[in-house]
Amino acid sequence: MDIAELDDLSGVLLLAILLAIIPVLQGSAISLLPALGTTIITILLKLVLFITGCYLFSHYLESDFTRFNRRWENSTTGLTITVLGAGLAIAAVAGYLGFSLAIGALFA
């Protein structure tokens, strides 16, 4: 499973680099290094932001989130639905940042 997720991460990174190189190869961009640098820095910043957000949620908010949801419905079904909803929300944030939904599901 870990290898499949690393495959998604490397696929997103390589696809973004390829899409940054295409205009240079077609001759419509001036140079290769600024396009590659901008793309790589943008992706790495988004990834660091996403990982930091997931860490902060799990470290500081998850216990309060679970306690709040258990107060409303004290069953394993309700907790399962809540966990599933949180996982889908984290995957949606990953998709919004341009990553694969599978990457978001991994971090969830």
N, C-alpha and C. Protein backbone atom coordinates (compact mmCIF):
# COMPACT_ATOMS: atom_id res chain seq x y z
N MET A 1 0.82 -1.18 0.00
CA MET A 1 0.00 0.00 0.00
C MET A 1 0.87 1.25 0.00
N ASP A 2 1.94 1.22 0.78
CA ASP A 2 2.83 2.38 0.83
C ASP A 2 3.47 2.65 -0.52
N ILE A 3 3.82 1.60 -1.22
CA ILE A 3 4.44 1.78 -2.54
C ILE A 3 3.44 2.37 -3.52
N ALA A 4 2.20 1.98 -3.43
CA ALA A 4 1.18 2.56 -4.31
C ALA A 4 0.99 4.04 -4.04
N GLU A 5 1.04 4.44 -2.79
CA GLU A 5 0.91 5.86 -2.45
C GLU A 5 2.13 6.65 -2.88
N LEU A 6 3.31 6.07 -2.71
CA LEU A 6 4.51 6.75 -3.20
C LEU A 6 4.48 6.87 -4.72
N ASP A 7 3.88 5.90 -5.38
CA ASP A 7 3.69 5.97 -6.82
C ASP A 7 2.79 7.15 -7.19
N ASP A 8 1.73 7.38 -6.43
CA ASP A 8 0.86 8.53 -6.67
C ASP A 8 1.61 9.85 -6.45
N LEU A 9 2.38 9.92 -5.38
CA LEU A 9 3.15 11.14 -5.11
C LEU A 9 4.15 11.43 -6.22
N SER A 10 4.90 10.41 -6.61
CA SER A 10 5.89 10.62 -7.68
C SER A 10 5.20 10.89 -9.01
N GLY A 11 4.06 10.28 -9.26
CA GLY A 11 3.33 10.54 -10.50
C GLY A 11 2.84 11.97 -10.59
N VAL A 12 2.34 12.51 -9.49
CA VAL A 12 1.88 13.91 -9.48
C VAL A 12 3.07 14.84 -9.72
N LEU A 13 4.18 14.58 -9.06
CA LEU A 13 5.36 15.42 -9.22
C LEU A 13 5.90 15.36 -10.65
N LEU A 14 6.02 14.17 -11.19
CA LEU A 14 6.54 14.03 -12.55
C LEU A 14 5.60 14.61 -13.60
N LEU A 15 4.31 14.47 -13.41
CA LEU A 15 3.36 15.05 -14.35
C LEU A 15 3.43 16.58 -14.33
N ALA A 16 3.57 17.15 -13.15
CA ALA A 16 3.69 18.61 -13.05
C ALA A 16 4.97 19.10 -13.72
N ILE A 17 6.05 18.37 -13.54
CA ILE A 17 7.32 18.75 -14.19
C ILE A 17 7.19 18.63 -15.70
N LEU A 18 6.56 17.58 -16.17
CA LEU A 18 6.37 17.40 -17.61
C LEU A 18 5.52 18.52 -18.20
N LEU A 19 4.46 18.89 -17.49
CA LEU A 19 3.61 19.97 -17.98
C LEU A 19 4.33 21.32 -17.96
N ALA A 20 5.33 21.47 -17.08
CA ALA A 20 6.13 22.70 -17.07
C ALA A 20 7.15 22.70 -18.20
N ILE A 21 7.60 21.53 -18.62
CA ILE A 21 8.62 21.42 -19.66
C ILE A 21 8.02 21.57 -21.06
N ILE A 22 6.79 21.16 -21.27
CA ILE A 22 6.18 21.16 -22.61
C ILE A 22 6.24 22.52 -23.29
N PRO A 23 5.89 23.63 -22.64
CA PRO A 23 6.00 24.92 -23.34
C PRO A 23 7.43 25.25 -23.74
N VAL A 24 8.41 24.83 -22.95
CA VAL A 24 9.81 25.08 -23.30
C VAL A 24 10.19 24.29 -24.54
N LEU A 25 9.75 23.04 -24.60
CA LEU A 25 10.07 22.20 -25.75
C LEU A 25 9.38 22.69 -27.02
N GLN A 26 8.23 23.30 -26.89
CA GLN A 26 7.53 23.83 -28.05
C GLN A 26 8.06 25.20 -28.47
N GLY A 27 8.94 25.77 -27.67
CA GLY A 27 9.56 27.04 -28.03
C GLY A 27 8.80 28.26 -27.59
N SER A 28 7.71 28.10 -26.84
CA SER A 28 6.93 29.27 -26.44
C SER A 28 7.42 29.87 -25.11
N ALA A 29 8.25 29.18 -24.39
CA ALA A 29 8.80 29.71 -23.15
C ALA A 29 10.28 30.04 -23.34
N ILE A 30 10.79 30.90 -22.49
CA ILE A 30 12.15 31.40 -22.68
C ILE A 30 13.20 30.39 -22.21
N SER A 31 13.09 29.92 -20.97
CA SER A 31 14.10 28.98 -20.50
C SER A 31 13.46 27.90 -19.63
N LEU A 32 14.22 26.85 -19.46
CA LEU A 32 13.72 25.67 -18.76
C LEU A 32 13.80 25.80 -17.24
N LEU A 33 14.89 26.32 -16.72
CA LEU A 33 15.11 26.34 -15.28
C LEU A 33 14.09 27.15 -14.50
N PRO A 34 13.70 28.35 -14.93
CA PRO A 34 12.67 29.05 -14.14
C PRO A 34 11.33 28.31 -14.12
N ALA A 35 10.96 27.72 -15.24
CA ALA A 35 9.70 26.97 -15.29
C ALA A 35 9.74 25.76 -14.37
N LEU A 36 10.85 25.02 -14.41
CA LEU A 36 10.99 23.85 -13.53
C LEU A 36 11.07 24.26 -12.07
N GLY A 37 11.85 25.28 -11.77
CA GLY A 37 11.99 25.73 -10.39
C GLY A 37 10.68 26.17 -9.79
N THR A 38 9.93 26.96 -10.56
CA THR A 38 8.63 27.43 -10.07
C THR A 38 7.68 26.27 -9.82
N THR A 39 7.65 25.32 -10.75
CA THR A 39 6.75 24.17 -10.60
C THR A 39 7.12 23.32 -9.40
N ILE A 40 8.39 23.01 -9.26
CA ILE A 40 8.82 22.15 -8.15
C ILE A 40 8.60 22.84 -6.81
N ILE A 41 8.93 24.12 -6.73
CA ILE A 41 8.72 24.84 -5.47
C ILE A 41 7.24 24.92 -5.11
N THR A 42 6.40 25.17 -6.10
CA THR A 42 4.95 25.23 -5.85
C THR A 42 4.43 23.90 -5.33
N ILE A 43 4.81 22.82 -5.96
CA ILE A 43 4.34 21.50 -5.53
C ILE A 43 4.85 21.15 -4.14
N LEU A 44 6.12 21.42 -3.89
CA LEU A 44 6.67 21.11 -2.57
C LEU A 44 6.02 21.96 -1.48
N LEU A 45 5.75 23.23 -1.77
CA LEU A 45 5.07 24.08 -0.78
C LEU A 45 3.65 23.58 -0.50
N LYS A 46 2.94 23.18 -1.55
CA LYS A 46 1.60 22.63 -1.35
C LYS A 46 1.66 21.34 -0.53
N LEU A 47 2.64 20.50 -0.83
CA LEU A 47 2.77 19.24 -0.10
C LEU A 47 3.10 19.48 1.37
N VAL A 48 4.01 20.41 1.63
CA VAL A 48 4.36 20.73 3.02
C VAL A 48 3.14 21.33 3.74
N LEU A 49 2.41 22.20 3.06
CA LEU A 49 1.20 22.78 3.64
C LEU A 49 0.18 21.69 3.97
N PHE A 50 -0.02 20.75 3.05
CA PHE A 50 -0.99 19.68 3.27
C PHE A 50 -0.56 18.76 4.41
N ILE A 51 0.71 18.38 4.42
CA ILE A 51 1.21 17.49 5.47
C ILE A 51 1.13 18.19 6.83
N THR A 52 1.48 19.47 6.87
CA THR A 52 1.40 20.23 8.12
C THR A 52 -0.05 20.33 8.61
N GLY A 53 -0.97 20.58 7.69
CA GLY A 53 -2.38 20.64 8.06
C GLY A 53 -2.89 19.31 8.60
N CYS A 54 -2.50 18.22 7.95
CA CYS A 54 -2.91 16.90 8.44
C CYS A 54 -2.31 16.60 9.81
N TYR A 55 -1.06 16.98 10.00
CA TYR A 55 -0.42 16.75 11.30
C TYR A 55 -1.10 17.57 12.39
N LEU A 56 -1.35 18.84 12.11
CA LEU A 56 -1.98 19.69 13.11
C LEU A 56 -3.39 19.20 13.45
N PHE A 57 -4.13 18.74 12.44
CA PHE A 57 -5.46 18.19 12.70
C PHE A 57 -5.36 16.96 13.59
N SER A 58 -4.47 16.04 13.25
CA SER A 58 -4.38 14.80 14.02
C SER A 58 -3.83 15.02 15.42
N HIS A 59 -2.93 15.98 15.56
CA HIS A 59 -2.29 16.19 16.86
C HIS A 59 -3.14 17.03 17.81
N TYR A 60 -3.82 18.05 17.27
CA TYR A 60 -4.52 18.99 18.14
C TYR A 60 -6.05 18.91 18.08
N LEU A 61 -6.62 18.57 16.94
CA LEU A 61 -8.07 18.66 16.78
C LEU A 61 -8.80 17.32 16.77
N GLU A 62 -8.11 16.25 16.49
CA GLU A 62 -8.78 14.97 16.31
C GLU A 62 -9.49 14.49 17.57
N SER A 63 -8.85 14.63 18.72
CA SER A 63 -9.49 14.15 19.95
C SER A 63 -10.74 14.98 20.29
N ASP A 64 -10.67 16.30 20.10
CA ASP A 64 -11.86 17.13 20.32
C ASP A 64 -12.96 16.82 19.31
N PHE A 65 -12.56 16.57 18.07
CA PHE A 65 -13.50 16.21 17.00
C PHE A 65 -14.22 14.91 17.34
N THR A 66 -13.47 13.92 17.77
CA THR A 66 -14.07 12.63 18.13
C THR A 66 -14.97 12.76 19.35
N ARG A 67 -14.52 13.49 20.34
CA ARG A 67 -15.33 13.68 21.55
C ARG A 67 -16.63 14.41 21.23
N PHE A 68 -16.57 15.42 20.39
CA PHE A 68 -17.77 16.16 19.98
C PHE A 68 -18.76 15.24 19.27
N ASN A 69 -18.26 14.39 18.37
CA ASN A 69 -19.15 13.50 17.62
C ASN A 69 -19.71 12.39 18.49
N ARG A 70 -18.95 11.93 19.46
CA ARG A 70 -19.48 10.89 20.37
C ARG A 70 -20.58 11.45 21.26
N ARG A 71 -20.52 12.74 21.54
CA ARG A 71 -21.57 13.36 22.35
C ARG A 71 -22.90 13.34 21.61
N TRP A 72 -22.86 13.49 20.29
CA TRP A 72 -24.10 13.52 19.51
C TRP A 72 -24.65 12.14 19.22
N GLU A 73 -23.75 11.21 18.95
CA GLU A 73 -24.22 9.84 18.70
C GLU A 73 -23.20 8.88 19.27
N ASN A 74 -23.61 8.14 20.26
CA ASN A 74 -22.70 7.25 20.97
C ASN A 74 -22.84 5.83 20.42
N SER A 75 -22.46 5.65 19.15
CA SER A 75 -22.49 4.32 18.56
C SER A 75 -21.30 4.18 17.63
N THR A 76 -20.95 2.94 17.34
CA THR A 76 -19.82 2.72 16.45
C THR A 76 -20.18 3.10 15.01
N THR A 77 -21.44 2.98 14.65
CA THR A 77 -21.86 3.36 13.30
C THR A 77 -21.71 4.86 13.10
N GLY A 78 -22.12 5.65 14.07
CA GLY A 78 -21.98 7.10 13.97
C GLY A 78 -20.52 7.52 13.92
N LEU A 79 -19.68 6.87 14.73
CA LEU A 79 -18.26 7.19 14.72
C LEU A 79 -17.62 6.79 13.39
N THR A 80 -18.04 5.65 12.83
CA THR A 80 -17.51 5.22 11.54
C THR A 80 -17.88 6.20 10.45
N ILE A 81 -19.10 6.67 10.45
CA ILE A 81 -19.54 7.64 9.44
C ILE A 81 -18.78 8.96 9.61
N THR A 82 -18.54 9.36 10.84
CA THR A 82 -17.78 10.59 11.09
C THR A 82 -16.34 10.46 10.60
N VAL A 83 -15.71 9.33 10.88
CA VAL A 83 -14.34 9.10 10.43
C VAL A 83 -14.28 9.06 8.91
N LEU A 84 -15.25 8.43 8.29
CA LEU A 84 -15.32 8.38 6.83
C LEU A 84 -15.49 9.79 6.25
N GLY A 85 -16.35 10.58 6.87
CA GLY A 85 -16.54 11.96 6.41
C GLY A 85 -15.28 12.79 6.54
N ALA A 86 -14.55 12.63 7.65
CA ALA A 86 -13.29 13.37 7.83
C ALA A 86 -12.27 12.92 6.79
N GLY A 87 -12.22 11.63 6.51
CA GLY A 87 -11.30 11.13 5.49
C GLY A 87 -11.62 11.67 4.11
N LEU A 88 -12.90 11.73 3.79
CA LEU A 88 -13.30 12.28 2.49
C LEU A 88 -13.00 13.78 2.41
N ALA A 89 -13.15 14.48 3.52
CA ALA A 89 -12.84 15.91 3.53
C ALA A 89 -11.34 16.14 3.33
N ILE A 90 -10.51 15.34 3.96
CA ILE A 90 -9.06 15.46 3.78
C ILE A 90 -8.68 15.11 2.35
N ALA A 91 -9.29 14.08 1.78
CA ALA A 91 -9.03 13.73 0.39
C ALA A 91 -9.47 14.86 -0.55
N ALA A 92 -10.57 15.51 -0.23
CA ALA A 92 -11.03 16.63 -1.06
C ALA A 92 -10.06 17.80 -1.00
N VAL A 93 -9.48 18.06 0.16
CA VAL A 93 -8.47 19.12 0.26
C VAL A 93 -7.25 18.78 -0.59
N ALA A 94 -6.84 17.51 -0.57
CA ALA A 94 -5.72 17.09 -1.41
C ALA A 94 -6.06 17.28 -2.88
N GLY A 95 -7.28 16.94 -3.28
CA GLY A 95 -7.69 17.15 -4.66
C GLY A 95 -7.73 18.62 -5.03
N TYR A 96 -8.14 19.47 -4.10
CA TYR A 96 -8.18 20.91 -4.35
C TYR A 96 -6.77 21.47 -4.54
N LEU A 97 -5.80 20.91 -3.82
CA LEU A 97 -4.42 21.36 -3.95
C LEU A 97 -3.73 20.81 -5.19
N GLY A 98 -4.42 19.94 -5.92
CA GLY A 98 -3.86 19.41 -7.15
C GLY A 98 -3.24 18.03 -7.02
N PHE A 99 -3.38 17.42 -5.87
CA PHE A 99 -2.84 16.09 -5.67
C PHE A 99 -3.92 15.05 -5.96
N SER A 100 -3.51 13.81 -6.00
CA SER A 100 -4.46 12.72 -6.20
C SER A 100 -5.32 12.56 -4.95
N LEU A 101 -6.56 12.13 -5.14
CA LEU A 101 -7.43 11.87 -3.99
C LEU A 101 -6.87 10.72 -3.15
N ALA A 102 -6.13 9.82 -3.79
CA ALA A 102 -5.51 8.71 -3.05
C ALA A 102 -4.46 9.22 -2.09
N ILE A 103 -3.78 10.30 -2.44
CA ILE A 103 -2.80 10.89 -1.52
C ILE A 103 -3.52 11.43 -0.30
N GLY A 104 -4.64 12.09 -0.51
CA GLY A 104 -5.43 12.59 0.62
C GLY A 104 -5.94 11.46 1.49
N ALA A 105 -6.36 10.37 0.85
CA ALA A 105 -6.85 9.22 1.63
C ALA A 105 -5.72 8.59 2.44
N LEU A 106 -4.51 8.59 1.90
CA LEU A 106 -3.36 8.06 2.64
C LEU A 106 -3.13 8.88 3.90
N PHE A 107 -3.13 10.19 3.77
CA PHE A 107 -2.89 11.03 4.94
C PHE A 107 -4.06 11.02 5.90
N ALA A 108 -5.25 10.78 5.41
CA ALA A 108 -6.41 10.71 6.29
C ALA A 108 -6.30 9.49 7.17
